[in-house]
All heavy atoms as atom14 arrays in JSON, in Angstrom:
{
  "sequence": "SRVWRSNTKGDYWVYDLASRELKQLGSKFEASSLMFAKFSADNEYV",
  "atom14_mask": [
    [1, 1, 1, 1, 1, 1, 0, 0, 0, 0, 0, 0, 0, 0],
    [1, 1, 1, 1, 1, 1, 1, 1, 1, 1, 1, 0, 0, 0],
    [1, 1, 1, 1, 1, 1, 1, 0, 0, 0, 0, 0, 0, 0],
    [1, 1, 1, 1, 1, 1, 1, 1, 1, 1, 1, 1, 1, 1],
    [1, 1, 1, 1, 1, 1, 1, 1, 1, 1, 1, 0, 0, 0],
    [1, 1, 1, 1, 1, 1, 0, 0, 0, 0, 0, 0, 0, 0],
    [1, 1, 1, 1, 1, 1, 1, 1, 0, 0, 0, 0, 0, 0],
    [1, 1, 1, 1, 1, 1, 1, 0, 0, 0, 0, 0, 0, 0],
    [1, 1, 1, 1, 1, 1, 1, 1, 1, 0, 0, 0, 0, 0],
    [1, 1, 1, 1, 0, 0, 0, 0, 0, 0, 0, 0, 0, 0],
    [1, 1, 1, 1, 1, 1, 1, 1, 0, 0, 0, 0, 0, 0],
    [1, 1, 1, 1, 1, 1, 1, 1, 1, 1, 1, 1, 0, 0],
    [1, 1, 1, 1, 1, 1, 1, 1, 1, 1, 1, 1, 1, 1],
    [1, 1, 1, 1, 1, 1, 1, 0, 0, 0, 0, 0, 0, 0],
    [1, 1, 1, 1, 1, 1, 1, 1, 1, 1, 1, 1, 0, 0],
    [1, 1, 1, 1, 1, 1, 1, 1, 0, 0, 0, 0, 0, 0],
    [1, 1, 1, 1, 1, 1, 1, 1, 0, 0, 0, 0, 0, 0],
    [1, 1, 1, 1, 1, 0, 0, 0, 0, 0, 0, 0, 0, 0],
    [1, 1, 1, 1, 1, 1, 0, 0, 0, 0, 0, 0, 0, 0],
    [1, 1, 1, 1, 1, 1, 1, 1, 1, 1, 1, 0, 0, 0],
    [1, 1, 1, 1, 1, 1, 1, 1, 1, 0, 0, 0, 0, 0],
    [1, 1, 1, 1, 1, 1, 1, 1, 0, 0, 0, 0, 0, 0],
    [1, 1, 1, 1, 1, 1, 1, 1, 1, 0, 0, 0, 0, 0],
    [1, 1, 1, 1, 1, 1, 1, 1, 1, 0, 0, 0, 0, 0],
    [1, 1, 1, 1, 1, 1, 1, 1, 0, 0, 0, 0, 0, 0],
    [1, 1, 1, 1, 0, 0, 0, 0, 0, 0, 0, 0, 0, 0],
    [1, 1, 1, 1, 1, 1, 0, 0, 0, 0, 0, 0, 0, 0],
    [1, 1, 1, 1, 1, 1, 1, 1, 1, 0, 0, 0, 0, 0],
    [1, 1, 1, 1, 1, 1, 1, 1, 1, 1, 1, 0, 0, 0],
    [1, 1, 1, 1, 1, 1, 1, 1, 1, 0, 0, 0, 0, 0],
    [1, 1, 1, 1, 1, 0, 0, 0, 0, 0, 0, 0, 0, 0],
    [1, 1, 1, 1, 1, 1, 0, 0, 0, 0, 0, 0, 0, 0],
    [1, 1, 1, 1, 1, 1, 0, 0, 0, 0, 0, 0, 0, 0],
    [1, 1, 1, 1, 1, 1, 1, 1, 0, 0, 0, 0, 0, 0],
    [1, 1, 1, 1, 1, 1, 1, 1, 0, 0, 0, 0, 0, 0],
    [1, 1, 1, 1, 1, 1, 1, 1, 1, 1, 1, 0, 0, 0],
    [1, 1, 1, 1, 1, 0, 0, 0, 0, 0, 0, 0, 0, 0],
    [1, 1, 1, 1, 1, 1, 1, 1, 1, 0, 0, 0, 0, 0],
    [1, 1, 1, 1, 1, 1, 1, 1, 1, 1, 1, 0, 0, 0],
    [1, 1, 1, 1, 1, 1, 0, 0, 0, 0, 0, 0, 0, 0],
    [1, 1, 1, 1, 1, 0, 0, 0, 0, 0, 0, 0, 0, 0],
    [1, 1, 1, 1, 1, 1, 1, 1, 0, 0, 0, 0, 0, 0],
    [1, 1, 1, 1, 1, 1, 1, 1, 0, 0, 0, 0, 0, 0],
    [1, 1, 1, 1, 1, 1, 1, 1, 1, 0, 0, 0, 0, 0],
    [1, 1, 1, 1, 1, 1, 1, 1, 1, 1, 1, 1, 0, 0],
    [1, 1, 1, 1, 1, 1, 1, 0, 0, 0, 0, 0, 0, 0]
  ],
  "atom14_positions": [
    [[-15.15, -2.5, -12.26], [-16.34, -2.86, -11.46], [-15.83, -3.75, -10.49], [-14.83, -4.47, -10.6], [-17.34, -3.55, -12.44], [-16.91, -4.72, -13.06], [0.0, 0.0, 0.0], [0.0, 0.0, 0.0], [0.0, 0.0, 0.0], [0.0, 0.0, 0.0], [0.0, 0.0, 0.0], [0.0, 0.0, 0.0], [0.0, 0.0, 0.0], [0.0, 0.0, 0.0]],
    [[-16.7, -4.0, -9.41], [-16.32, -4.82, -8.21], [-16.46, -6.19, -8.45], [-17.56, -6.73, -8.92], [-17.13, -4.22, -7.04], [-16.69, -4.68, -5.72], [-17.45, -3.95, -4.6], [-17.38, -4.65, -3.32], [-17.99, -4.19, -2.31], [-18.55, -2.96, -2.29], [-17.73, -4.76, -1.08], [0.0, 0.0, 0.0], [0.0, 0.0, 0.0], [0.0, 0.0, 0.0]],
    [[-15.67, -7.03, -7.96], [-15.65, -8.34, -7.74], [-15.37, -8.74, -6.36], [-14.21, -8.64, -5.93], [-14.71, -9.21, -8.73], [-14.88, -10.71, -8.51], [-14.87, -8.94, -10.16], [0.0, 0.0, 0.0], [0.0, 0.0, 0.0], [0.0, 0.0, 0.0], [0.0, 0.0, 0.0], [0.0, 0.0, 0.0], [0.0, 0.0, 0.0], [0.0, 0.0, 0.0]],
    [[-16.43, -9.06, -5.6], [-16.23, -9.32, -4.09], [-15.66, -8.05, -3.45], [-16.41, -7.01, -3.49], [-15.41, -10.51, -3.77], [-15.84, -11.77, -4.6], [-15.09, -12.59, -5.23], [-17.09, -12.26, -4.73], [-15.66, -13.5, -5.85], [-17.01, -13.44, -5.59], [-18.36, -11.76, -4.4], [-18.05, -14.2, -5.99], [-19.51, -12.52, -4.77], [-19.39, -13.67, -5.51]],
    [[-14.47, -8.1, -2.95], [-14.01, -6.82, -2.22], [-13.38, -5.69, -3.06], [-13.3, -4.64, -2.73], [-13.02, -7.21, -1.25], [-13.58, -7.92, 0.14], [-12.47, -8.17, 1.09], [-12.95, -8.93, 2.16], [-13.3, -8.38, 3.41], [-13.1, -7.15, 3.51], [-13.67, -9.06, 4.48], [0.0, 0.0, 0.0], [0.0, 0.0, 0.0], [0.0, 0.0, 0.0]],
    [[-12.87, -6.25, -4.25], [-12.05, -5.28, -4.93], [-12.58, -5.06, -6.29], [-13.29, -5.89, -7.0], [-10.58, -5.68, -5.07], [-9.97, -5.85, -3.83], [0.0, 0.0, 0.0], [0.0, 0.0, 0.0], [0.0, 0.0, 0.0], [0.0, 0.0, 0.0], [0.0, 0.0, 0.0], [0.0, 0.0, 0.0], [0.0, 0.0, 0.0], [0.0, 0.0, 0.0]],
    [[-12.15, -3.97, -7.06], [-12.54, -3.67, -8.44], [-11.37, -4.33, -9.19], [-10.57, -3.63, -9.66], [-12.7, -2.06, -8.63], [-13.94, -1.53, -8.16], [-14.35, -1.94, -7.05], [-14.43, -0.53, -8.68], [0.0, 0.0, 0.0], [0.0, 0.0, 0.0], [0.0, 0.0, 0.0], [0.0, 0.0, 0.0], [0.0, 0.0, 0.0], [0.0, 0.0, 0.0]],
    [[-11.68, -5.49, -9.57], [-10.74, -6.28, -10.38], [-11.11, -6.52, -11.92], [-10.35, -7.2, -12.66], [-10.28, -7.6, -9.72], [-11.55, -8.31, -9.44], [-9.5, -7.29, -8.46], [0.0, 0.0, 0.0], [0.0, 0.0, 0.0], [0.0, 0.0, 0.0], [0.0, 0.0, 0.0], [0.0, 0.0, 0.0], [0.0, 0.0, 0.0], [0.0, 0.0, 0.0]],
    [[-12.35, -6.06, -12.28], [-12.81, -6.19, -13.58], [-12.96, -4.92, -14.25], [-13.37, -3.92, -13.66], [-14.13, -7.0, -13.54], [-14.78, -7.49, -14.89], [-16.05, -8.06, -14.78], [-15.87, -9.45, -13.97], [-17.29, -10.17, -13.92], [0.0, 0.0, 0.0], [0.0, 0.0, 0.0], [0.0, 0.0, 0.0], [0.0, 0.0, 0.0], [0.0, 0.0, 0.0]],
    [[-12.49, -4.81, -15.53], [-12.65, -3.4, -16.17], [-12.07, -3.45, -17.52], [-12.21, -4.51, -18.23], [0.0, 0.0, 0.0], [0.0, 0.0, 0.0], [0.0, 0.0, 0.0], [0.0, 0.0, 0.0], [0.0, 0.0, 0.0], [0.0, 0.0, 0.0], [0.0, 0.0, 0.0], [0.0, 0.0, 0.0], [0.0, 0.0, 0.0], [0.0, 0.0, 0.0]],
    [[-11.75, -2.31, -18.06], [-11.18, -2.21, -19.45], [-9.59, -1.91, -19.36], [-9.15, -1.35, -18.39], [-11.84, -1.04, -20.15], [-13.32, -1.3, -20.43], [-13.7, -2.34, -20.49], [-13.98, -0.33, -20.49], [0.0, 0.0, 0.0], [0.0, 0.0, 0.0], [0.0, 0.0, 0.0], [0.0, 0.0, 0.0], [0.0, 0.0, 0.0], [0.0, 0.0, 0.0]],
    [[-8.94, -2.41, -20.43], [-7.57, -2.15, -20.43], [-7.17, -1.52, -21.85], [-7.68, -1.81, -22.86], [-6.74, -3.53, -20.38], [-6.69, -4.14, -18.96], [-7.73, -4.97, -18.49], [-5.65, -3.77, -18.11], [-7.57, -5.56, -17.08], [-5.55, -4.25, -16.86], [-6.61, -5.26, -16.39], [-6.55, -5.7, -15.14], [0.0, 0.0, 0.0], [0.0, 0.0, 0.0]],
    [[-6.2, -0.61, -21.7], [-5.6, 0.02, -22.85], [-4.05, -0.03, -22.85], [-3.51, -0.11, -21.76], [-6.01, 1.54, -22.92], [-7.48, 1.78, -23.03], [-8.4, 1.74, -21.88], [-8.19, 2.25, -24.12], [-9.68, 2.01, -22.41], [-9.52, 2.32, -23.8], [-7.82, 2.43, -25.52], [-10.56, 2.78, -24.75], [-8.87, 2.96, -26.33], [-10.17, 2.97, -25.94]],
    [[-3.49, -0.22, -24.01], [-2.05, -0.21, -24.15], [-1.56, 1.1, -24.83], [-2.12, 1.37, -25.91], [-1.61, -1.45, -24.91], [-0.03, -1.37, -25.15], [-1.99, -2.73, -24.1], [0.0, 0.0, 0.0], [0.0, 0.0, 0.0], [0.0, 0.0, 0.0], [0.0, 0.0, 0.0], [0.0, 0.0, 0.0], [0.0, 0.0, 0.0], [0.0, 0.0, 0.0]],
    [[-0.61, 1.74, -24.22], [0.0, 2.96, -24.85], [1.44, 2.57, -25.07], [2.2, 2.25, -24.29], [-0.17, 4.09, -23.86], [0.49, 5.43, -24.49], [-0.23, 6.06, -25.56], [1.76, 5.87, -24.13], [0.36, 7.22, -26.09], [2.32, 7.04, -24.7], [1.65, 7.75, -25.67], [2.22, 8.74, -26.21], [0.0, 0.0, 0.0], [0.0, 0.0, 0.0]],
    [[1.72, 2.84, -26.41], [3.14, 2.53, -26.87], [3.86, 3.81, -26.79], [3.61, 4.78, -27.5], [3.17, 2.06, -28.3], [4.53, 1.52, -28.75], [5.49, 2.34, -28.74], [4.5, 0.45, -29.16], [0.0, 0.0, 0.0], [0.0, 0.0, 0.0], [0.0, 0.0, 0.0], [0.0, 0.0, 0.0], [0.0, 0.0, 0.0], [0.0, 0.0, 0.0]],
    [[4.99, 3.82, -25.98], [5.67, 5.12, -25.71], [6.53, 5.48, -27.0], [6.71, 6.73, -27.22], [6.63, 4.94, -24.47], [5.89, 4.7, -23.15], [7.01, 4.24, -22.09], [5.35, 5.99, -22.71], [0.0, 0.0, 0.0], [0.0, 0.0, 0.0], [0.0, 0.0, 0.0], [0.0, 0.0, 0.0], [0.0, 0.0, 0.0], [0.0, 0.0, 0.0]],
    [[6.85, 4.64, -27.78], [7.61, 4.97, -28.9], [6.7, 5.48, -30.13], [6.92, 6.46, -30.71], [8.47, 3.82, -29.4], [0.0, 0.0, 0.0], [0.0, 0.0, 0.0], [0.0, 0.0, 0.0], [0.0, 0.0, 0.0], [0.0, 0.0, 0.0], [0.0, 0.0, 0.0], [0.0, 0.0, 0.0], [0.0, 0.0, 0.0], [0.0, 0.0, 0.0]],
    [[5.67, 4.76, -30.5], [4.84, 5.1, -31.54], [3.72, 6.04, -31.14], [3.03, 6.66, -31.94], [4.05, 3.91, -32.19], [3.29, 3.29, -31.2], [0.0, 0.0, 0.0], [0.0, 0.0, 0.0], [0.0, 0.0, 0.0], [0.0, 0.0, 0.0], [0.0, 0.0, 0.0], [0.0, 0.0, 0.0], [0.0, 0.0, 0.0], [0.0, 0.0, 0.0]],
    [[3.48, 6.15, -29.73], [2.61, 7.12, -29.27], [1.18, 6.74, -29.64], [0.1, 7.5, -29.74], [2.79, 8.51, -29.5], [4.0, 9.05, -29.08], [4.31, 10.52, -29.34], [5.49, 11.0, -28.84], [6.06, 12.2, -29.0], [5.38, 13.22, -29.48], [7.24, 12.47, -28.53], [0.0, 0.0, 0.0], [0.0, 0.0, 0.0], [0.0, 0.0, 0.0]],
    [[1.0, 5.39, -29.81], [-0.38, 4.8, -30.25], [-0.97, 4.27, -28.91], [-0.45, 3.69, -28.07], [-0.16, 3.69, -31.25], [0.16, 4.17, -32.56], [0.33, 2.93, -33.58], [1.15, 2.07, -33.42], [-0.48, 2.86, -34.53], [0.0, 0.0, 0.0], [0.0, 0.0, 0.0], [0.0, 0.0, 0.0], [0.0, 0.0, 0.0], [0.0, 0.0, 0.0]],
    [[-2.4, 4.35, -28.95], [-3.17, 3.97, -27.91], [-4.26, 2.91, -28.48], [-4.89, 3.23, -29.39], [-3.98, 5.06, -27.2], [-4.9, 4.66, -26.01], [-4.2, 4.22, -24.84], [-5.78, 5.87, -25.72], [0.0, 0.0, 0.0], [0.0, 0.0, 0.0], [0.0, 0.0, 0.0], [0.0, 0.0, 0.0], [0.0, 0.0, 0.0], [0.0, 0.0, 0.0]],
    [[-4.3, 1.69, -27.89], [-5.28, 0.7, -28.34], [-5.85, 0.1, -27.14], [-5.2, -0.28, -26.13], [-4.51, -0.4, -29.2], [-3.9, 0.05, -30.45], [-3.33, -0.95, -31.25], [-2.83, -0.72, -32.59], [-2.22, -1.81, -33.37], [0.0, 0.0, 0.0], [0.0, 0.0, 0.0], [0.0, 0.0, 0.0], [0.0, 0.0, 0.0], [0.0, 0.0, 0.0]],
    [[-7.2, -0.26, -27.4], [-7.92, -0.98, -26.41], [-7.82, -2.48, -26.63], [-7.96, -3.08, -27.68], [-9.42, -0.64, -26.37], [-10.25, -1.21, -25.29], [-11.68, -0.79, -25.24], [-12.21, -0.19, -26.15], [-12.35, -1.27, -24.29], [0.0, 0.0, 0.0], [0.0, 0.0, 0.0], [0.0, 0.0, 0.0], [0.0, 0.0, 0.0], [0.0, 0.0, 0.0]],
    [[-7.65, -3.26, -25.5], [-7.62, -4.6, -25.51], [-8.94, -5.31, -25.39], [-9.82, -4.62, -24.81], [-6.66, -5.12, -24.34], [-5.26, -4.76, -24.26], [-4.59, -5.32, -23.03], [-4.61, -5.39, -25.59], [0.0, 0.0, 0.0], [0.0, 0.0, 0.0], [0.0, 0.0, 0.0], [0.0, 0.0, 0.0], [0.0, 0.0, 0.0], [0.0, 0.0, 0.0]],
    [[-9.2, -6.29, -26.0], [-10.57, -7.05, -25.93], [-11.6, -6.26, -26.26], [-12.71, -6.36, -25.72], [0.0, 0.0, 0.0], [0.0, 0.0, 0.0], [0.0, 0.0, 0.0], [0.0, 0.0, 0.0], [0.0, 0.0, 0.0], [0.0, 0.0, 0.0], [0.0, 0.0, 0.0], [0.0, 0.0, 0.0], [0.0, 0.0, 0.0], [0.0, 0.0, 0.0]],
    [[-11.52, -5.41, -27.22], [-12.61, -4.48, -27.72], [-13.88, -5.25, -28.18], [-14.95, -4.77, -28.18], [-12.09, -3.62, -28.8], [-11.72, -4.19, -29.93], [0.0, 0.0, 0.0], [0.0, 0.0, 0.0], [0.0, 0.0, 0.0], [0.0, 0.0, 0.0], [0.0, 0.0, 0.0], [0.0, 0.0, 0.0], [0.0, 0.0, 0.0], [0.0, 0.0, 0.0]],
    [[-13.7, -6.52, -28.51], [-14.87, -7.26, -29.03], [-15.7, -7.75, -27.81], [-16.88, -8.12, -27.95], [-14.38, -8.5, -29.89], [-13.68, -9.69, -28.98], [-13.53, -10.85, -29.94], [-13.13, -12.17, -29.18], [-13.02, -13.24, -30.01], [0.0, 0.0, 0.0], [0.0, 0.0, 0.0], [0.0, 0.0, 0.0], [0.0, 0.0, 0.0], [0.0, 0.0, 0.0]],
    [[-15.1, -7.76, -26.57], [-15.86, -8.24, -25.5], [-16.68, -7.04, -24.86], [-16.48, -5.87, -25.17], [-14.94, -8.71, -24.34], [-14.09, -9.89, -24.7], [-12.71, -9.93, -24.88], [-14.68, -11.09, -25.12], [-12.05, -10.86, -25.27], [-13.95, -12.26, -25.58], [-12.65, -12.13, -25.63], [0.0, 0.0, 0.0], [0.0, 0.0, 0.0], [0.0, 0.0, 0.0]],
    [[-17.66, -7.32, -23.94], [-18.43, -6.49, -23.41], [-17.55, -5.52, -22.46], [-16.52, -5.96, -21.98], [-19.43, -7.01, -22.57], [-19.12, -7.92, -21.38], [-20.14, -8.66, -20.72], [-20.55, -9.8, -21.34], [-20.59, -8.33, -19.65], [0.0, 0.0, 0.0], [0.0, 0.0, 0.0], [0.0, 0.0, 0.0], [0.0, 0.0, 0.0], [0.0, 0.0, 0.0]],
    [[-17.99, -4.3, -22.29], [-17.26, -3.32, -21.57], [-17.05, -3.79, -20.09], [-17.84, -4.57, -19.49], [-18.02, -1.98, -21.42], [0.0, 0.0, 0.0], [0.0, 0.0, 0.0], [0.0, 0.0, 0.0], [0.0, 0.0, 0.0], [0.0, 0.0, 0.0], [0.0, 0.0, 0.0], [0.0, 0.0, 0.0], [0.0, 0.0, 0.0], [0.0, 0.0, 0.0]],
    [[-15.87, -3.49, -19.44], [-15.59, -3.68, -18.06], [-15.58, -5.15, -17.74], [-16.25, -5.66, -16.79], [-16.49, -2.92, -17.11], [-16.07, -3.09, -15.9], [0.0, 0.0, 0.0], [0.0, 0.0, 0.0], [0.0, 0.0, 0.0], [0.0, 0.0, 0.0], [0.0, 0.0, 0.0], [0.0, 0.0, 0.0], [0.0, 0.0, 0.0], [0.0, 0.0, 0.0]],
    [[-15.04, -6.06, -18.59], [-15.07, -7.51, -18.3], [-13.72, -8.1, -18.45], [-13.72, -9.46, -18.3], [-15.95, -8.2, -19.47], [-15.41, -8.06, -20.82], [0.0, 0.0, 0.0], [0.0, 0.0, 0.0], [0.0, 0.0, 0.0], [0.0, 0.0, 0.0], [0.0, 0.0, 0.0], [0.0, 0.0, 0.0], [0.0, 0.0, 0.0], [0.0, 0.0, 0.0]],
    [[-12.61, -7.42, -18.48], [-11.37, -8.13, -18.57], [-10.71, -8.03, -17.19], [-10.92, -7.07, -16.38], [-10.41, -7.41, -19.54], [-10.83, -7.39, -20.91], [-9.64, -6.86, -21.86], [-11.48, -8.65, -21.57], [0.0, 0.0, 0.0], [0.0, 0.0, 0.0], [0.0, 0.0, 0.0], [0.0, 0.0, 0.0], [0.0, 0.0, 0.0], [0.0, 0.0, 0.0]],
    [[-9.84, -9.14, -16.82], [-9.28, -9.1, -15.55], [-7.69, -9.46, -15.68], [-7.41, -10.24, -16.48], [-9.87, -10.18, -14.58], [-11.38, -10.05, -14.44], [-12.18, -11.4, -13.61], [-11.59, -10.99, -11.91], [0.0, 0.0, 0.0], [0.0, 0.0, 0.0], [0.0, 0.0, 0.0], [0.0, 0.0, 0.0], [0.0, 0.0, 0.0], [0.0, 0.0, 0.0]],
    [[-6.91, -8.71, -14.9], [-5.51, -9.08, -14.62], [-4.65, -8.98, -15.86], [-3.68, -9.93, -16.02], [-5.4, -10.49, -13.89], [-6.26, -10.45, -12.76], [-7.29, -11.61, -12.7], [-6.31, -9.65, -11.72], [-8.12, -11.64, -11.65], [-7.08, -9.74, -10.58], [-8.13, -10.79, -10.67], [0.0, 0.0, 0.0], [0.0, 0.0, 0.0], [0.0, 0.0, 0.0]],
    [[-4.88, -8.2, -16.91], [-4.01, -8.18, -18.11], [-2.6, -7.88, -17.65], [-2.21, -7.02, -16.87], [-4.49, -7.1, -18.95], [0.0, 0.0, 0.0], [0.0, 0.0, 0.0], [0.0, 0.0, 0.0], [0.0, 0.0, 0.0], [0.0, 0.0, 0.0], [0.0, 0.0, 0.0], [0.0, 0.0, 0.0], [0.0, 0.0, 0.0], [0.0, 0.0, 0.0]],
    [[-1.66, -8.56, -18.48], [-0.27, -8.42, -18.17], [0.49, -8.77, -19.44], [0.16, -9.58, -20.15], [0.27, -9.13, -17.0], [0.0, -10.74, -17.0], [0.4, -11.37, -15.67], [-0.42, -11.2, -14.63], [-1.68, -11.88, -14.57], [0.0, 0.0, 0.0], [0.0, 0.0, 0.0], [0.0, 0.0, 0.0], [0.0, 0.0, 0.0], [0.0, 0.0, 0.0]],
    [[1.65, -8.01, -19.59], [2.53, -8.16, -20.81], [3.31, -9.41, -20.79], [3.73, -9.94, -19.7], [3.5, -7.09, -20.83], [2.93, -5.68, -21.25], [2.8, -4.68, -20.2], [2.5, -5.41, -22.52], [2.17, -3.49, -20.61], [2.01, -4.19, -22.82], [1.82, -3.09, -21.89], [0.0, 0.0, 0.0], [0.0, 0.0, 0.0], [0.0, 0.0, 0.0]],
    [[3.54, -10.0, -21.87], [4.61, -11.12, -21.94], [5.96, -10.42, -22.03], [6.03, -9.25, -22.3], [4.41, -11.95, -23.34], [4.53, -11.03, -24.48], [0.0, 0.0, 0.0], [0.0, 0.0, 0.0], [0.0, 0.0, 0.0], [0.0, 0.0, 0.0], [0.0, 0.0, 0.0], [0.0, 0.0, 0.0], [0.0, 0.0, 0.0], [0.0, 0.0, 0.0]],
    [[7.03, -11.13, -21.6], [8.41, -10.57, -21.5], [8.81, -10.21, -22.89], [9.72, -9.25, -22.93], [9.31, -11.68, -20.82], [0.0, 0.0, 0.0], [0.0, 0.0, 0.0], [0.0, 0.0, 0.0], [0.0, 0.0, 0.0], [0.0, 0.0, 0.0], [0.0, 0.0, 0.0], [0.0, 0.0, 0.0], [0.0, 0.0, 0.0], [0.0, 0.0, 0.0]],
    [[8.34, -10.86, -23.89], [8.9, -10.49, -25.3], [8.12, -9.36, -25.89], [8.39, -8.88, -27.06], [8.95, -11.6, -26.2], [7.42, -12.18, -26.42], [6.42, -11.7, -25.88], [7.34, -13.29, -27.11], [0.0, 0.0, 0.0], [0.0, 0.0, 0.0], [0.0, 0.0, 0.0], [0.0, 0.0, 0.0], [0.0, 0.0, 0.0], [0.0, 0.0, 0.0]],
    [[7.21, -8.7, -25.17], [6.31, -7.63, -25.63], [5.5, -7.92, -26.83], [5.16, -6.91, -27.58], [7.26, -6.37, -25.95], [7.65, -5.79, -24.54], [7.0, -5.75, -23.54], [8.93, -5.23, -24.6], [0.0, 0.0, 0.0], [0.0, 0.0, 0.0], [0.0, 0.0, 0.0], [0.0, 0.0, 0.0], [0.0, 0.0, 0.0], [0.0, 0.0, 0.0]],
    [[5.21, -9.14, -27.06], [4.36, -9.44, -28.27], [2.91, -9.62, -27.95], [2.05, -9.21, -28.66], [4.8, -10.92, -28.78], [6.14, -10.7, -29.62], [6.12, -10.01, -30.8], [5.09, -10.13, -31.56], [7.01, -9.33, -31.15], [0.0, 0.0, 0.0], [0.0, 0.0, 0.0], [0.0, 0.0, 0.0], [0.0, 0.0, 0.0], [0.0, 0.0, 0.0]],
    [[2.66, -9.94, -26.74], [1.25, -10.28, -26.34], [1.01, -9.67, -24.87], [1.73, -9.29, -24.05], [0.98, -11.72, -26.2], [1.21, -12.49, -27.48], [2.35, -13.12, -27.91], [0.16, -12.53, -28.33], [2.64, -13.7, -29.15], [0.32, -13.25, -29.72], [1.49, -13.86, -29.94], [1.73, -14.59, -31.02], [0.0, 0.0, 0.0], [0.0, 0.0, 0.0]],
    [[-0.44, -9.58, -24.7], [-0.93, -9.44, -23.45], [-2.0, -10.53, -23.18], [-2.72, -10.8, -24.03], [-1.71, -8.04, -23.41], [-2.52, -7.9, -22.05], [-0.74, -6.83, -23.51], [0.0, 0.0, 0.0], [0.0, 0.0, 0.0], [0.0, 0.0, 0.0], [0.0, 0.0, 0.0], [0.0, 0.0, 0.0], [0.0, 0.0, 0.0], [0.0, 0.0, 0.0]]
  ]
}
């Protein structure tokens, strides 16, 4: 969804290439409400 000029708010999913698992981040929050998700360098967190 749009925030001012750009669509910067939405849903994020993580796909693990090794396990082939797909998981949604922040599923407890309302839809289309996360911004700027990014991995930690140790791959433990987003």
